[in-house]
C-alpha atoms as a PDB file:
ATOM      1  CA  MET A   1       9.613   1.464 -11.516  1.00  0.00           C
ATOM      2  CA  THR A   2      13.125   0.882 -10.288  1.00  0.00           C
ATOM      3  CA  GLU A   3      13.754   1.451  -6.630  1.00  0.00           C
ATOM      4  CA  SER A   4      16.751   3.694  -7.359  1.00  0.00           C
ATOM      5  CA  ALA A   5      14.597   6.037  -9.492  1.00  0.00           C
ATOM      6  CA  LEU A   6      11.932   6.436  -6.801  1.00  0.00           C
ATOM      7  CA  THR A   7      11.375  10.047  -5.713  1.00  0.00           C
ATOM      8  CA  PRO A   8       9.600  11.508  -2.688  1.00  0.00           C
ATOM      9  CA  GLU A   9       7.059  13.139  -5.040  1.00  0.00           C
ATOM     10  CA  GLN A  10       6.144   9.759  -6.562  1.00  0.00           C
ATOM     11  CA  ILE A  11       5.718   8.307  -3.090  1.00  0.00           C
ATOM     12  CA  LEU A  12       3.469  11.194  -2.020  1.00  0.00           C
ATOM     13  CA  ARG A  13       1.277  10.841  -5.132  1.00  0.00           C
ATOM     14  CA  ALA A  14       0.968   7.089  -4.559  1.00  0.00           C
ATOM     15  CA  THR A  15       0.180   7.695  -0.890  1.00  0.00           C
ATOM     16  CA  GLU A  16      -2.690   9.987  -1.867  1.00  0.00           C
ATOM     17  CA  ASP A  17      -4.092   7.256  -4.121  1.00  0.00           C
ATOM     18  CA  VAL A  18      -3.742   4.630  -1.387  1.00  0.00           C
ATOM     19  CA  LEU A  19      -5.357   6.909   1.191  1.00  0.00           C
ATOM     20  CA  ARG A  20      -8.229   7.595  -1.195  1.00  0.00           C
ATOM     21  CA  ARG A  21      -8.701   3.870  -1.761  1.00  0.00           C
ATOM     22  CA  TYR A  22      -8.298   2.512   1.783  1.00  0.00           C
ATOM     23  CA  GLY A  23      -8.676   5.490   4.121  1.00  0.00           C
ATOM     24  CA  PRO A  24      -6.225   6.543   6.834  1.00  0.00           C
ATOM     25  CA  ALA A  25      -7.104   3.714   9.219  1.00  0.00           C
ATOM     26  CA  LYS A  26      -6.322   0.902   6.768  1.00  0.00           C
ATOM     27  CA  ALA A  27      -3.667   2.381   4.469  1.00  0.00           C
ATOM     28  CA  THR A  28      -0.172   1.062   5.103  1.00  0.00           C
ATOM     29  CA  VAL A  29       3.331   1.749   3.837  1.00  0.00           C
ATOM     30  CA  VAL A  30       3.230  -1.732   2.285  1.00  0.00           C
ATOM     31  CA  ASP A  31       0.153  -0.641   0.283  1.00  0.00           C
ATOM     32  CA  VAL A  32       2.047   2.424  -0.955  1.00  0.00           C
ATOM     33  CA  ALA A  33       5.066   0.314  -1.896  1.00  0.00           C
ATOM     34  CA  ARG A  34       2.842  -2.208  -3.678  1.00  0.00           C
ATOM     35  CA  ALA A  35       1.182   0.605  -5.663  1.00  0.00           C
ATOM     36  CA  LEU A  36       4.634   1.760  -6.748  1.00  0.00           C
ATOM     37  CA  GLY A  37       5.931  -1.750  -7.457  1.00  0.00           C
ATOM     38  CA  VAL A  38       8.800  -1.422  -4.966  1.00  0.00           C
ATOM     39  CA  SER A  39       9.663  -2.822  -1.560  1.00  0.00           C
ATOM     40  CA  HIS A  40       8.434  -1.034   1.549  1.00  0.00           C
ATOM     41  CA  GLY A  41      12.091  -0.474   2.454  1.00  0.00           C
ATOM     42  CA  SER A  42      12.370   1.810  -0.579  1.00  0.00           C
ATOM     43  CA  VAL A  43       9.589   3.992   0.809  1.00  0.00           C
ATOM     44  CA  TYR A  44      11.295   4.062   4.219  1.00  0.00           C
ATOM     45  CA  ARG A  45      14.508   5.307   2.580  1.00  0.00           C
ATOM     46  CA  HIS A  46      12.645   8.534   1.820  1.00  0.00           C
ATOM     47  CA  PHE A  47      10.301   8.659   4.839  1.00  0.00           C
ATOM     48  CA  ALA A  48      11.549   7.266   8.145  1.00  0.00           C
ATOM     49  CA  SER A  49       8.136   6.135   9.386  1.00  0.00           C
ATOM     50  CA  LYS A  50       4.462   5.867   8.517  1.00  0.00           C
ATOM     51  CA  ALA A  51       3.889   8.980  10.634  1.00  0.00           C
ATOM     52  CA  ALA A  52       6.545  10.912   8.678  1.00  0.00           C
ATOM     53  CA  LEU A  53       4.901   9.876   5.409  1.00  0.00           C
ATOM     54  CA  ARG A  54       1.473  10.951   6.646  1.00  0.00           C
ATOM     55  CA  GLU A  55       2.864  14.285   7.805  1.00  0.00           C
ATOM     56  CA  ALA A  56       4.532  14.889   4.440  1.00  0.00           C
ATOM     57  CA  VAL A  57       1.405  14.056   2.465  1.00  0.00           C
ATOM     58  CA  THR A  58      -0.696  16.233   4.780  1.00  0.00           C
ATOM     59  CA  GLU A  59       1.709  19.147   4.429  1.00  0.00           C
ATOM     60  CA  ARG A  60       1.739  18.737   0.640  1.00  0.00           C
ATOM     61  CA  TRP A  61      -2.062  18.743   0.537  1.00  0.00           C
ATOM     62  CA  LEU A  62      -2.381  21.803   2.774  1.00  0.00           C
ATOM     63  CA  ASP A  63       0.202  23.758   0.786  1.00  0.00           C
ATOM     64  CA  ARG A  64      -1.415  22.844  -2.523  1.00  0.00           C
ATOM     65  CA  ALA A  65      -4.902  23.695  -1.290  1.00  0.00           C
ATOM     66  CA  HIS A  66      -3.870  27.165  -0.134  1.00  0.00           C
ATOM     67  CA  ARG A  67      -1.231  28.230  -2.675  1.00  0.00           C
ATOM     68  CA  GLU A  68      -3.363  31.129  -3.963  1.00  0.00           C
ATOM     69  CA  LEU A  69      -3.613  32.731  -0.521  1.00  0.00           C
ATOM     70  CA  ALA A  70       0.047  33.725  -0.297  1.00  0.00           C
ATOM     71  CA  GLY A  71      -0.250  35.619  -3.573  1.00  0.00           C
ATOM     72  CA  ILE A  72      -3.273  37.572  -2.360  1.00  0.00           C
ATOM     73  CA  ALA A  73      -1.544  38.433   0.912  1.00  0.00           C
ATOM     74  CA  ALA A  74       1.563  39.688  -0.909  1.00  0.00           C
ATOM     75  CA  GLU A  75      -0.294  41.903  -3.392  1.00  0.00           C
ATOM     76  CA  ASP A  76      -0.386  45.670  -3.274  1.00  0.00           C
ATOM     77  CA  GLY A  77      -3.695  47.433  -3.156  1.00  0.00           C
ATOM     78  CA  PRO A  78      -6.465  48.123  -0.696  1.00  0.00           C
ATOM     79  CA  ALA A  79      -6.182  45.840   2.315  1.00  0.00           C
ATOM     80  CA  ALA A  80      -9.930  45.485   2.768  1.00  0.00           C
ATOM     81  CA  ASP A  81     -10.307  44.168  -0.786  1.00  0.00           C
ATOM     82  CA  ARG A  82      -7.379  41.759  -0.330  1.00  0.00           C
ATOM     83  CA  LEU A  83      -8.702  40.515   3.012  1.00  0.00           C
ATOM     84  CA  HIS A  84     -12.119  39.871   1.484  1.00  0.00           C
ATOM     85  CA  ARG A  85     -10.593  38.018  -1.507  1.00  0.00           C
ATOM     86  CA  TRP A  86      -8.298  36.030   0.823  1.00  0.00           C
ATOM     87  CA  LEU A  87     -11.270  34.833   2.903  1.00  0.00           C
ATOM     88  CA  LEU A  88     -13.266  33.992  -0.234  1.00  0.00           C
ATOM     89  CA  ALA A  89     -10.302  32.113  -1.727  1.00  0.00           C
ATOM     90  CA  LEU A  90      -9.824  30.109   1.474  1.00  0.00           C
ATOM     91  CA  PHE A  91     -13.497  29.124   1.559  1.00  0.00           C
ATOM     92  CA  THR A  92     -13.588  28.364  -2.168  1.00  0.00           C
ATOM     93  CA  ALA A  93     -10.522  26.122  -1.934  1.00  0.00           C
ATOM     94  CA  LYS A  94     -11.897  24.226   1.058  1.00  0.00           C
ATOM     95  CA  ARG A  95     -15.356  23.809  -0.449  1.00  0.00           C
ATOM     96  CA  ARG A  96     -13.914  22.694  -3.799  1.00  0.00           C
ATOM     97  CA  LYS A  97     -11.779  20.054  -2.090  1.00  0.00           C
ATOM     98  CA  ALA A  98     -14.729  18.832  -0.010  1.00  0.00           C
ATOM     99  CA  LEU A  99     -17.134  18.620  -2.955  1.00  0.00           C
ATOM    100  CA  ASP A 100     -14.825  17.497  -5.774  1.00  0.00           C
ATOM    101  CA  ASP A 101     -13.069  14.700  -3.884  1.00  0.00           C
ATOM    102  CA  PRO A 102     -15.046  13.983  -0.701  1.00  0.00           C
ATOM    103  CA  GLU A 103     -13.190  10.738   0.047  1.00  0.00           C
ATOM    104  CA  LEU A 104      -9.793  12.387  -0.013  1.00  0.00           C
ATOM    105  CA  PHE A 105     -11.100  15.441   1.857  1.00  0.00           C
ATOM    106  CA  ALA A 106     -12.452  13.196   4.620  1.00  0.00           C
ATOM    107  CA  THR A 107      -9.164  11.323   4.680  1.00  0.00           C
ATOM    108  CA  TYR A 108      -7.189  14.528   5.092  1.00  0.00           C
ATOM    109  CA  ALA A 109      -9.558  15.817   7.746  1.00  0.00           C
ATOM    110  CA  ALA A 110      -8.906  12.577   9.647  1.00  0.00           C
ATOM    111  CA  LEU A 111      -5.150  12.820   9.053  1.00  0.00           C
ATOM    112  CA  ILE A 112      -5.084  16.404  10.278  1.00  0.00           C
ATOM    113  CA  GLY A 113      -6.877  15.271  13.423  1.00  0.00           C
ATOM    114  CA  GLN A 114      -4.326  12.477  13.901  1.00  0.00           C
ATOM    115  CA  THR A 115      -1.206  14.465  13.060  1.00  0.00           C
ATOM    116  CA  ALA A 116       0.657  14.912  16.316  1.00  0.00           C
ATOM    117  CA  SER A 117       3.450  16.937  14.753  1.00  0.00           C
ATOM    118  CA  THR A 118       3.802  20.590  14.017  1.00  0.00           C
ATOM    119  CA  VAL A 119       2.623  20.296  10.381  1.00  0.00           C
ATOM    120  CA  VAL A 120      -0.889  21.595  10.992  1.00  0.00           C
ATOM    121  CA  GLU A 121       0.246  24.119  13.590  1.00  0.00           C
ATOM    122  CA  ARG A 122       2.895  25.477  11.204  1.00  0.00           C
ATOM    123  CA  HIS A 123       0.322  25.702   8.409  1.00  0.00           C
ATOM    124  CA  LEU A 124      -2.155  27.574  10.608  1.00  0.00           C
ATOM    125  CA  GLU A 125       0.610  29.963  11.659  1.00  0.00           C
ATOM    126  CA  THR A 126       1.381  30.592   7.988  1.00  0.00           C
ATOM    127  CA  LEU A 127      -2.258  31.457   7.330  1.00  0.00           C
ATOM    128  CA  ALA A 128      -2.362  33.686  10.415  1.00  0.00           C
ATOM    129  CA  GLY A 129       0.817  35.403   9.213  1.00  0.00           C
ATOM    130  CA  GLN A 130      -0.766  36.110   5.831  1.00  0.00           C
ATOM    131  CA  LEU A 131      -3.816  37.585   7.540  1.00  0.00           C
ATOM    132  CA  ALA A 132      -1.586  39.656   9.817  1.00  0.00           C
ATOM    133  CA  ALA A 133       0.285  41.048   6.811  1.00  0.00           C
ATOM    134  CA  ILE A 134      -2.999  42.157   5.225  1.00  0.00           C
ATOM    135  CA  VAL A 135      -4.265  43.675   8.488  1.00  0.00           C
ATOM    136  CA  ALA A 136      -0.937  45.487   8.990  1.00  0.00           C
ATOM    137  CA  ASP A 137      -1.235  46.918   5.475  1.00  0.00           C
ATOM    138  CA  GLY A 138      -4.765  48.059   6.309  1.00  0.00           C
ATOM    139  CA  VAL A 139      -3.511  49.859   9.412  1.00  0.00           C
ATOM    140  CA  ALA A 140      -0.690  51.468   7.412  1.00  0.00           C
ATOM    141  CA  GLN A 141      -3.170  52.544   4.712  1.00  0.00           C
ATOM    142  CA  GLY A 142      -5.430  54.085   7.365  1.00  0.00           C
ATOM    143  CA  ALA A 143      -8.302  51.770   6.397  1.00  0.00           C
ATOM    144  CA  PHE A 144      -8.131  49.715   9.598  1.00  0.00           C
ATOM    145  CA  ALA A 145      -7.925  50.997  13.154  1.00  0.00           C
ATOM    146  CA  ALA A 146      -4.576  50.701  14.890  1.00  0.00           C
ATOM    147  CA  CYS A 147      -4.634  47.404  16.742  1.00  0.00           C
ATOM    148  CA  ASP A 148      -2.647  44.389  17.848  1.00  0.00           C
ATOM    149  CA  VAL A 149      -2.252  43.054  14.312  1.00  0.00           C
ATOM    150  CA  ARG A 150      -1.561  39.424  15.297  1.00  0.00           C
ATOM    151  CA  ALA A 151      -4.559  39.346  17.649  1.00  0.00           C
ATOM    152  CA  ALA A 152      -6.800  40.893  14.998  1.00  0.00           C
ATOM    153  CA  ALA A 153      -5.618  38.358  12.413  1.00  0.00           C
ATOM    154  CA  ARG A 154      -6.321  35.461  14.774  1.00  0.00           C
ATOM    155  CA  ALA A 155      -9.761  36.902  15.538  1.00  0.00           C
ATOM    156  CA  VAL A 156     -10.587  37.132  11.816  1.00  0.00           C
ATOM    157  CA  PHE A 157      -9.453  33.534  11.334  1.00  0.00           C
ATOM    158  CA  GLN A 158     -11.471  32.289  14.290  1.00  0.00           C
ATOM    159  CA  ALA A 159     -14.558  34.315  13.342  1.00  0.00           C
ATOM    160  CA  THR A 160     -14.569  32.701   9.896  1.00  0.00           C
ATOM    161  CA  ALA A 161     -13.895  29.125  11.062  1.00  0.00           C
ATOM    162  CA  ARG A 162     -17.309  27.962   9.839  1.00  0.00           C
ATOM    163  CA  PHE A 163     -16.079  28.651   6.313  1.00  0.00           C
ATOM    164  CA  HIS A 164     -12.722  26.856   6.456  1.00  0.00           C
ATOM    165  CA  ASP A 165     -12.585  24.379   9.336  1.00  0.00           C
ATOM    166  CA  PRO A 166     -13.176  20.863   7.946  1.00  0.00           C
ATOM    167  CA  CYS A 167     -15.527  20.046  10.830  1.00  0.00           C
ATOM    168  CA  HIS A 168     -18.051  22.380   9.148  1.00  0.00           C
ATOM    169  CA  ALA A 169     -17.749  20.833   5.659  1.00  0.00           C
ATOM    170  CA  ALA A 170     -21.273  19.383   5.771  1.00  0.00           C
ATOM    171  CA  GLU A 171     -22.632  22.945   6.036  1.00  0.00           C
ATOM    172  CA  TRP A 172     -20.810  24.224   2.933  1.00  0.00           C
ATOM    173  CA  THR A 173     -23.482  23.006   0.507  1.00  0.00           C
ATOM    174  CA  ASP A 174     -26.212  25.008   2.246  1.00  0.00           C
ATOM    175  CA  PRO A 175     -27.395  27.634  -0.274  1.00  0.00           C
ATOM    176  CA  ARG A 176     -27.207  30.328   2.435  1.00  0.00           C
ATOM    177  CA  THR A 177     -23.503  29.757   3.111  1.00  0.00           C
ATOM    178  CA  ASP A 178     -22.214  32.353   0.648  1.00  0.00           C
ATOM    179  CA  ALA A 179     -24.580  34.984   2.059  1.00  0.00           C
ATOM    180  CA  ASP A 180     -23.556  33.991   5.584  1.00  0.00           C
ATOM    181  CA  LEU A 181     -19.895  34.515   4.698  1.00  0.00           C
ATOM    182  CA  GLU A 182     -20.691  37.951   3.275  1.00  0.00           C
ATOM    183  CA  ALA A 183     -22.586  38.849   6.466  1.00  0.00           C
ATOM    184  CA  VAL A 184     -19.645  37.795   8.622  1.00  0.00           C
ATOM    185  CA  TRP A 185     -17.317  39.731   6.322  1.00  0.00           C
ATOM    186  CA  ALA A 186     -19.435  42.893   6.747  1.00  0.00           C
ATOM    187  CA  LEU A 187     -19.195  42.579  10.540  1.00  0.00           C
ATOM    188  CA  LEU A 188     -15.436  41.983  10.403  1.00  0.00           C
ATOM    189  CA  LEU A 189     -14.877  44.941   8.109  1.00  0.00           C
ATOM    190  CA  ASN A 190     -16.943  47.163  10.390  1.00  0.00           C
ATOM    191  CA  GLY A 191     -14.935  45.995  13.401  1.00  0.00           C
ATOM    192  CA  LEU A 192     -11.587  46.603  11.674  1.00  0.00           C
ATOM    193  CA  ALA A 193     -12.481  49.948  10.080  1.00  0.00           C
ATOM    194  CA  ALA A 194     -10.678  53.068  11.178  1.00  0.00           C
ATOM    195  CA  ARG A 195     -12.997  55.552  12.824  1.00  0.00           C
END
C-alpha cells in the first residue's frame, strides 16, 4: 500500500485487527502501521495520537453495533412495539458481538473503560435520545402516561443495563436471560402504560 493512498477507513480496519491480535494494552500505532505496510507517521497524518485512533475505532464499533436501533426509533407505529423491538435489538447486537468475537468484544469493553473522551458519552446520549423519541411517541399516541420523557428514557435504559452493559456479558449465555429480559420488559411496559 502506498502511503498517499492510505485512508482513515483502512487504518481503522487494521487497528481492529491489531487490537484483536494484541489487545488494547499491547497494541501500538507502530503495529497498525506495520500491518498496513506504511510508516507510523502515515497513521499520525490521519489520527493525531494513539488516543485519537482508539477513540475513532471505538466510535466506529459502537455505531456499527447499533445501526439498527436508529431505524427502529424512527419508524411509525405503536410505540410499545417499537420500544420492545429496540430493547431486543440492543441486547441481540451486544450478545452477538460478545459471542461471535469475544476477543474483540473484550478489547472494546476495555477501550470503552479507558476512553476519557466524549465518544462513549455521546453514544449513550444518542441511545437515550432514541429511547426518548419512542417514549414521546407513546405519550402522543396515548399508550404511555404523560411523563418527563428524558427521565423515563434514562430509567428504561438503566433498568435494562443487565442486557446491554458489557460488564454483564458473562451472564448473556444463561438460558434464562431471554425470559429475564421479557420479565423486565413487562414491568417497564406496565410502568409506562397510560392509566
